[in-house]
Protein backbone atom coordinates (compact mmCIF):
# COMPACT_ATOMS: atom_id res chain seq x y z
CA MET A 1 57.61 -19.59 -24.72
CA SER A 2 57.14 -16.85 -27.37
CA SER A 3 54.28 -18.91 -28.84
CA ASP A 4 52.61 -19.19 -25.43
CA ARG A 5 52.93 -15.46 -24.86
CA HIS A 6 51.47 -14.82 -28.33
CA HIS A 7 48.41 -16.92 -27.49
CA LEU A 8 48.09 -15.11 -24.17
CA THR A 9 48.24 -11.73 -25.91
CA GLU A 10 45.67 -12.79 -28.51
CA SER A 11 43.39 -14.01 -25.74
CA LEU A 12 43.63 -10.60 -24.09
CA ARG A 13 42.89 -8.79 -27.36
CA ARG A 14 39.85 -10.97 -28.03
CA GLY A 15 38.48 -10.07 -24.61
CA GLN A 16 38.45 -6.33 -25.29
CA ASN A 17 34.97 -4.81 -25.13
CA ALA A 18 33.49 -2.56 -27.80
CA ASP A 19 34.07 0.45 -25.52
CA GLY A 20 37.83 -0.28 -25.52
CA GLY A 21 38.00 -1.59 -21.96
CA TRP A 22 38.08 -5.03 -20.33
CA GLY A 23 35.92 -6.77 -17.81
CA TYR A 24 37.43 -9.30 -15.45
CA PHE A 25 36.15 -12.06 -17.74
CA PRO A 26 35.03 -12.22 -21.39
CA GLY A 27 31.62 -10.73 -22.03
CA LYS A 28 31.56 -8.77 -18.77
CA SER A 29 31.35 -4.97 -18.54
CA SER A 30 34.55 -2.94 -18.44
CA ARG A 31 36.21 -2.48 -15.05
CA LEU A 32 39.08 -0.23 -14.04
CA GLU A 33 41.70 -2.75 -12.84
CA PRO A 34 41.73 -5.12 -15.84
CA THR A 35 41.53 -2.19 -18.26
CA ALA A 36 44.54 -0.51 -16.63
CA PHE A 37 46.66 -3.68 -16.66
CA ALA A 38 45.63 -4.41 -20.25
CA ALA A 39 46.66 -0.90 -21.30
CA LEU A 40 50.12 -1.66 -19.89
CA ALA A 41 50.35 -5.09 -21.49
CA LEU A 42 49.24 -3.92 -24.94
CA ALA A 43 50.95 -0.53 -25.07
CA GLY A 44 52.07 0.28 -28.60
CA THR A 45 49.29 -1.71 -30.26
CA ALA A 46 45.89 -0.68 -31.61
CA ALA A 47 44.18 -2.42 -28.69
CA GLY A 48 46.47 -0.57 -26.28
CA ALA A 49 45.65 2.74 -27.93
CA ALA A 50 41.94 2.04 -27.49
CA ALA A 51 42.56 1.22 -23.82
CA ALA A 52 44.47 4.48 -23.41
CA ALA A 53 41.54 6.37 -24.89
CA VAL A 54 39.21 4.69 -22.40
CA LEU A 55 41.43 5.58 -19.44
CA HIS A 56 41.69 9.15 -20.70
CA GLU A 57 37.92 9.53 -20.29
CA TRP A 58 37.28 7.02 -17.49
CA PRO A 59 34.34 8.20 -15.34
CA SER A 60 35.23 9.90 -12.08
CA THR A 61 33.62 11.80 -9.24
CA ASP A 62 35.37 14.48 -7.19
CA GLY A 63 38.68 13.46 -8.77
CA LEU A 64 38.35 9.76 -7.92
CA LEU A 65 38.08 7.18 -10.67
CA LEU A 66 35.05 4.93 -10.43
CA GLU A 67 35.68 1.20 -10.34
CA ARG A 68 33.12 0.86 -13.13
CA THR A 69 30.60 3.05 -14.90
CA GLY A 70 27.88 3.83 -12.38
CA GLY A 71 29.95 2.36 -9.55
CA GLU A 72 31.95 3.79 -6.66
CA PRO A 73 35.63 4.71 -6.31
CA ASN A 74 38.12 2.01 -5.36
CA TYR A 75 41.30 3.63 -4.07
CA GLY A 76 43.59 0.69 -4.87
CA PHE A 77 42.43 0.44 -8.47
CA HIS A 78 42.59 4.25 -8.76
CA GLY A 79 46.29 3.82 -7.94
CA VAL A 80 46.69 1.02 -10.50
CA ALA A 81 45.09 3.22 -13.16
CA LEU A 82 47.43 6.10 -12.34
CA LEU A 83 50.39 3.73 -12.79
CA ALA A 84 49.09 2.71 -16.21
CA MET A 85 48.49 6.34 -17.19
CA ARG A 86 52.02 7.29 -16.20
CA ALA A 87 53.57 4.39 -18.12
CA CYS A 88 51.41 5.00 -21.20
CA ARG A 89 51.74 8.80 -20.99
CA ILE A 90 48.02 9.33 -20.61
CA GLU A 91 46.44 12.41 -19.08
CA HIS A 92 42.91 12.22 -17.71
CA VAL A 93 40.21 14.44 -19.21
CA ALA A 94 39.42 15.85 -15.74
CA GLY A 95 43.10 16.64 -15.15
CA THR A 96 45.61 14.15 -13.78
CA ALA A 97 46.55 16.59 -11.02
CA SER A 98 42.99 16.35 -9.71
CA LEU A 99 43.26 12.55 -9.59
CA LEU A 100 46.47 12.80 -7.59
CA ALA A 101 45.03 15.42 -5.23
CA ALA A 102 41.87 13.40 -4.59
CA LEU A 103 43.88 10.27 -3.86
CA GLN A 104 45.93 12.13 -1.27
CA ARG A 105 42.82 13.47 0.46
CA VAL A 106 41.38 10.05 1.24
CA LYS A 107 42.69 8.00 4.15
CA GLY A 108 42.01 4.73 5.88
CA VAL A 109 40.32 5.20 9.25
CA PRO A 110 42.53 4.96 12.36
CA LEU A 111 41.71 2.41 15.06
CA ALA A 112 42.33 2.18 18.79
CA ALA A 113 45.85 1.29 19.86
CA SER A 114 46.68 -2.42 19.72
CA THR A 115 47.11 -4.08 23.12
CA THR A 116 48.46 -7.40 21.80
CA GLY A 117 51.12 -6.44 19.28
CA SER A 118 53.34 -3.73 17.84
CA GLN A 119 50.95 -2.51 15.16
CA ASP A 120 50.52 1.26 15.05
CA ASN A 121 46.83 1.78 14.33
CA THR A 122 47.18 5.57 14.25
CA LEU A 123 48.94 5.43 10.86
CA GLN A 124 46.64 6.27 7.97
CA ALA A 125 47.36 5.19 4.42
CA TRP A 126 44.75 3.80 2.02
CA SER A 127 41.78 1.49 2.25
CA TRP A 128 40.00 -0.16 -0.66
CA ILE A 129 36.82 1.88 -0.21
CA PRO A 130 35.76 4.87 1.94
CA GLN A 131 35.47 4.70 5.71
CA THR A 132 37.41 1.47 6.16
CA PHE A 133 40.78 0.42 7.59
CA SER A 134 44.08 0.82 5.71
CA TRP A 135 45.09 -2.36 3.86
CA VAL A 136 48.44 -3.38 2.43
CA GLU A 137 47.51 -3.73 -1.26
CA PRO A 138 45.68 -0.42 -1.80
CA THR A 139 48.34 1.36 0.26
CA ALA A 140 51.12 -0.11 -1.86
CA TRP A 141 49.43 0.63 -5.20
CA CYS A 142 48.60 4.20 -4.18
CA LEU A 143 52.08 4.81 -2.75
CA LEU A 144 53.80 3.48 -5.87
CA SER A 145 51.60 5.50 -8.22
CA LEU A 146 52.17 8.74 -6.30
CA LYS A 147 55.91 8.12 -6.33
CA LYS A 148 55.81 7.56 -10.08
CA TRP A 149 53.98 10.86 -10.63
CA ALA A 150 55.96 12.88 -8.05
CA PRO A 151 58.74 13.92 -10.49
CA THR A 152 56.12 15.62 -12.71
CA ASN A 153 55.45 18.35 -10.11
CA ARG A 154 51.74 17.53 -9.71
CA GLY A 155 51.56 18.34 -6.00
CA VAL A 156 52.49 15.02 -4.43
CA ASP A 157 52.94 15.54 -0.67
CA PRO A 158 56.12 13.92 0.75
CA ALA A 159 54.47 13.64 4.17
CA ARG A 160 51.71 11.49 2.69
CA LEU A 161 54.29 9.19 1.14
CA ASP A 162 56.25 9.00 4.40
CA GLU A 163 53.24 7.93 6.46
CA ALA A 164 52.31 5.27 3.92
CA GLU A 165 55.87 3.92 3.97
CA ARG A 166 55.82 3.83 7.76
CA LEU A 167 52.54 1.95 7.73
CA LEU A 168 53.86 -0.71 5.37
CA ILE A 169 57.04 -1.14 7.37
CA ASN A 170 55.02 -1.36 10.60
CA ARG A 171 52.70 -4.00 9.07
CA SER A 172 55.43 -6.36 7.87
CA CYS A 173 55.29 -9.94 9.07
CA ARG A 174 57.90 -11.35 11.42
CA ALA A 175 59.16 -13.73 8.72
CA GLY A 176 59.37 -10.90 6.19
CA GLY A 177 56.77 -9.99 3.62
CA TRP A 178 53.17 -8.92 4.14
CA ASN A 179 49.77 -10.35 4.90
CA TYR A 180 46.72 -8.51 3.54
CA GLY A 181 46.06 -6.29 6.53
CA ASN A 182 47.78 -6.97 9.84
CA ALA A 183 51.02 -8.71 10.73
CA ASP A 184 49.45 -10.31 13.80
CA VAL A 185 46.01 -10.74 15.34
CA LEU A 186 45.38 -11.32 19.06
CA GLY A 187 49.07 -12.00 19.57
CA LYS A 188 49.29 -14.58 16.78
CA ASP A 189 51.69 -13.94 13.91
CA LEU A 190 50.09 -14.05 10.47
CA ARG A 191 51.88 -15.47 7.47
CA PRO A 192 52.91 -13.36 4.47
CA TYR A 193 51.60 -13.90 0.96
CA VAL A 194 53.49 -13.64 -2.33
CA PRO A 195 51.34 -11.05 -4.21
CA THR A 196 50.97 -8.68 -1.25
CA THR A 197 54.70 -8.97 -0.54
CA ALA A 198 55.57 -8.24 -4.17
CA ILE A 199 53.30 -5.18 -4.37
CA ALA A 200 54.57 -3.77 -1.06
CA LEU A 201 58.17 -4.23 -2.17
CA LEU A 202 57.46 -2.37 -5.41
CA ALA A 203 56.14 0.52 -3.33
CA LEU A 204 59.17 0.51 -1.00
CA GLN A 205 61.93 0.66 -3.60
CA HIS A 206 63.26 3.87 -2.06
CA ARG A 207 63.79 2.01 1.23
CA ARG A 208 65.95 -0.84 -0.08
CA ASP A 209 68.39 -0.60 2.81
CA HIS A 210 65.71 -0.88 5.51
CA PRO A 211 65.93 -4.21 7.39
CA VAL A 212 62.23 -4.93 6.80
CA VAL A 213 62.65 -4.48 3.05
CA GLU A 214 65.83 -6.54 2.93
CA ARG A 215 64.18 -9.36 4.90
CA SER A 216 61.09 -9.22 2.69
CA VAL A 217 63.06 -9.38 -0.56
CA ASP A 218 64.81 -12.47 0.79
CA TYR A 219 61.44 -13.96 1.69
CA LEU A 220 60.03 -13.30 -1.78
CA GLU A 221 63.06 -14.74 -3.54
CA LYS A 222 62.72 -17.93 -1.49
CA HIS A 223 58.92 -18.33 -1.71
CA ALA A 224 58.04 -16.69 -5.05
CA THR A 225 56.81 -19.92 -6.64
CA SER A 226 54.82 -21.11 -3.62
CA GLU A 227 51.58 -19.52 -4.88
CA ARG A 228 50.80 -20.92 -8.32
CA SER A 229 48.62 -18.29 -9.91
CA GLY A 230 49.28 -16.07 -12.90
CA THR A 231 48.80 -12.95 -10.78
CA ALA A 232 51.09 -14.00 -7.93
CA LEU A 233 53.85 -15.25 -10.21
CA ALA A 234 53.75 -12.19 -12.50
CA LEU A 235 53.91 -9.77 -9.57
CA ALA A 236 56.73 -11.76 -7.97
CA LEU A 237 58.66 -11.73 -11.25
CA LEU A 238 58.28 -7.95 -11.57
CA ALA A 239 59.37 -7.32 -7.97
CA LEU A 240 62.41 -9.58 -8.21
CA ARG A 241 63.49 -7.80 -11.39
CA VAL A 242 63.14 -4.40 -9.77
CA TYR A 243 65.37 -5.56 -6.91
CA ALA A 244 67.84 -7.22 -9.30
CA ARG A 245 67.30 -10.65 -7.77
CA ARG A 246 67.40 -13.98 -9.58
CA ASP A 247 64.15 -14.44 -11.50
CA ASP A 248 64.66 -17.43 -13.82
CA VAL A 249 62.87 -19.90 -11.56
CA VAL A 250 59.77 -17.76 -11.11
CA ARG A 251 59.75 -16.89 -14.80
CA SER A 252 59.73 -20.59 -15.67
CA ALA A 253 56.94 -21.17 -13.17
CA LEU A 254 54.88 -18.40 -14.76
CA VAL A 255 55.38 -19.93 -18.22
CA GLU A 256 54.32 -23.34 -16.86
CA GLN A 257 51.22 -21.71 -15.39
CA LEU A 258 50.15 -20.08 -18.69
CA PRO A 259 47.73 -22.83 -19.79
CA VAL A 260 45.83 -22.45 -16.51
CA THR A 261 45.97 -18.65 -16.72
CA MET A 262 44.52 -18.75 -20.24
CA ALA A 263 41.87 -21.30 -19.27
CA LEU A 264 40.67 -19.18 -16.35
CA GLN A 265 40.43 -16.11 -18.65
CA ASN A 266 40.83 -13.56 -15.86
CA HIS A 267 41.85 -10.52 -17.89
CA ALA A 268 43.72 -8.80 -15.05
CA ALA A 269 45.87 -11.91 -14.52
CA VAL A 270 46.37 -12.42 -18.26
CA ALA A 271 47.46 -8.80 -18.72
CA LEU A 272 49.96 -8.97 -15.85
CA ALA A 273 51.43 -12.16 -17.28
CA VAL A 274 51.71 -10.63 -20.76
CA TYR A 275 53.49 -7.59 -19.36
CA ALA A 276 55.85 -9.56 -17.12
CA LEU A 277 56.85 -11.90 -19.96
CA SER A 278 57.27 -9.22 -22.62
CA SER A 279 61.06 -9.25 -22.23
CA GLU A 280 63.73 -9.88 -19.64
CA GLN A 281 63.97 -6.13 -18.99
CA THR A 282 60.24 -5.47 -18.59
CA TYR A 283 59.40 -3.77 -15.32
CA ALA A 284 59.69 -0.06 -16.16
CA ALA A 285 56.05 0.70 -15.33
CA PHE A 286 56.69 -0.45 -11.76
CA ALA A 287 60.26 0.80 -11.27
CA LEU A 288 61.24 4.06 -9.59
């Protein structure tokens, strides 16, 4: 397995752009999400130091990181980048406090009350982009990143965290876990997915004793290998470690998936796999 991980790491290093960042695929322009995950995966190396330097000066507007140079903000990836900065001890040139403040100012738009289910559409957490509905993944990434930075006294508002937690709990599926947006549509229950469930659980570590969280951890432990992708398996492995659940089966599945992960050359997926397989104890960047 160490040989496979070495090849995966070398593949990630070879994909680094001249500006120090990563695109989603080799030869593509640098984007925020793969660069942030690569900075985590390669921390302590020369390539990781170059990634840290890129994140330090990543372009922003009004305190929000742009998804790419010349692009627009993406709130979920802004949260991912803040996680990487916290883990790698990086401050942003515009001031990390301004990034945290800007993230707390933006909210997903509320919708009319649901007439067919229990979803509370008045709750506002985070959308992917401005003027859209709150989604599970950006909410979870933003919530986790704010929780990671909260101990540094950078002005994180507990009320903002509380509403985001309540939204995630309200959006959980009947079987446990999370779909991408809603738990049901027009009275029909939607099924949960492994990566969304893993990310939401990482964000809800402070609510371990809540029945929704307990049910969702059980769901993830049972279904972690049902989605065979490098991203899904790496996120499931990280979440199970954080909750001190058995992870040997999903770890083996991730190792078995490595040839496909390397062949697809998605740098975000490769970086997550590298980080998750670094050692049995690796999950600190995502643990509270």
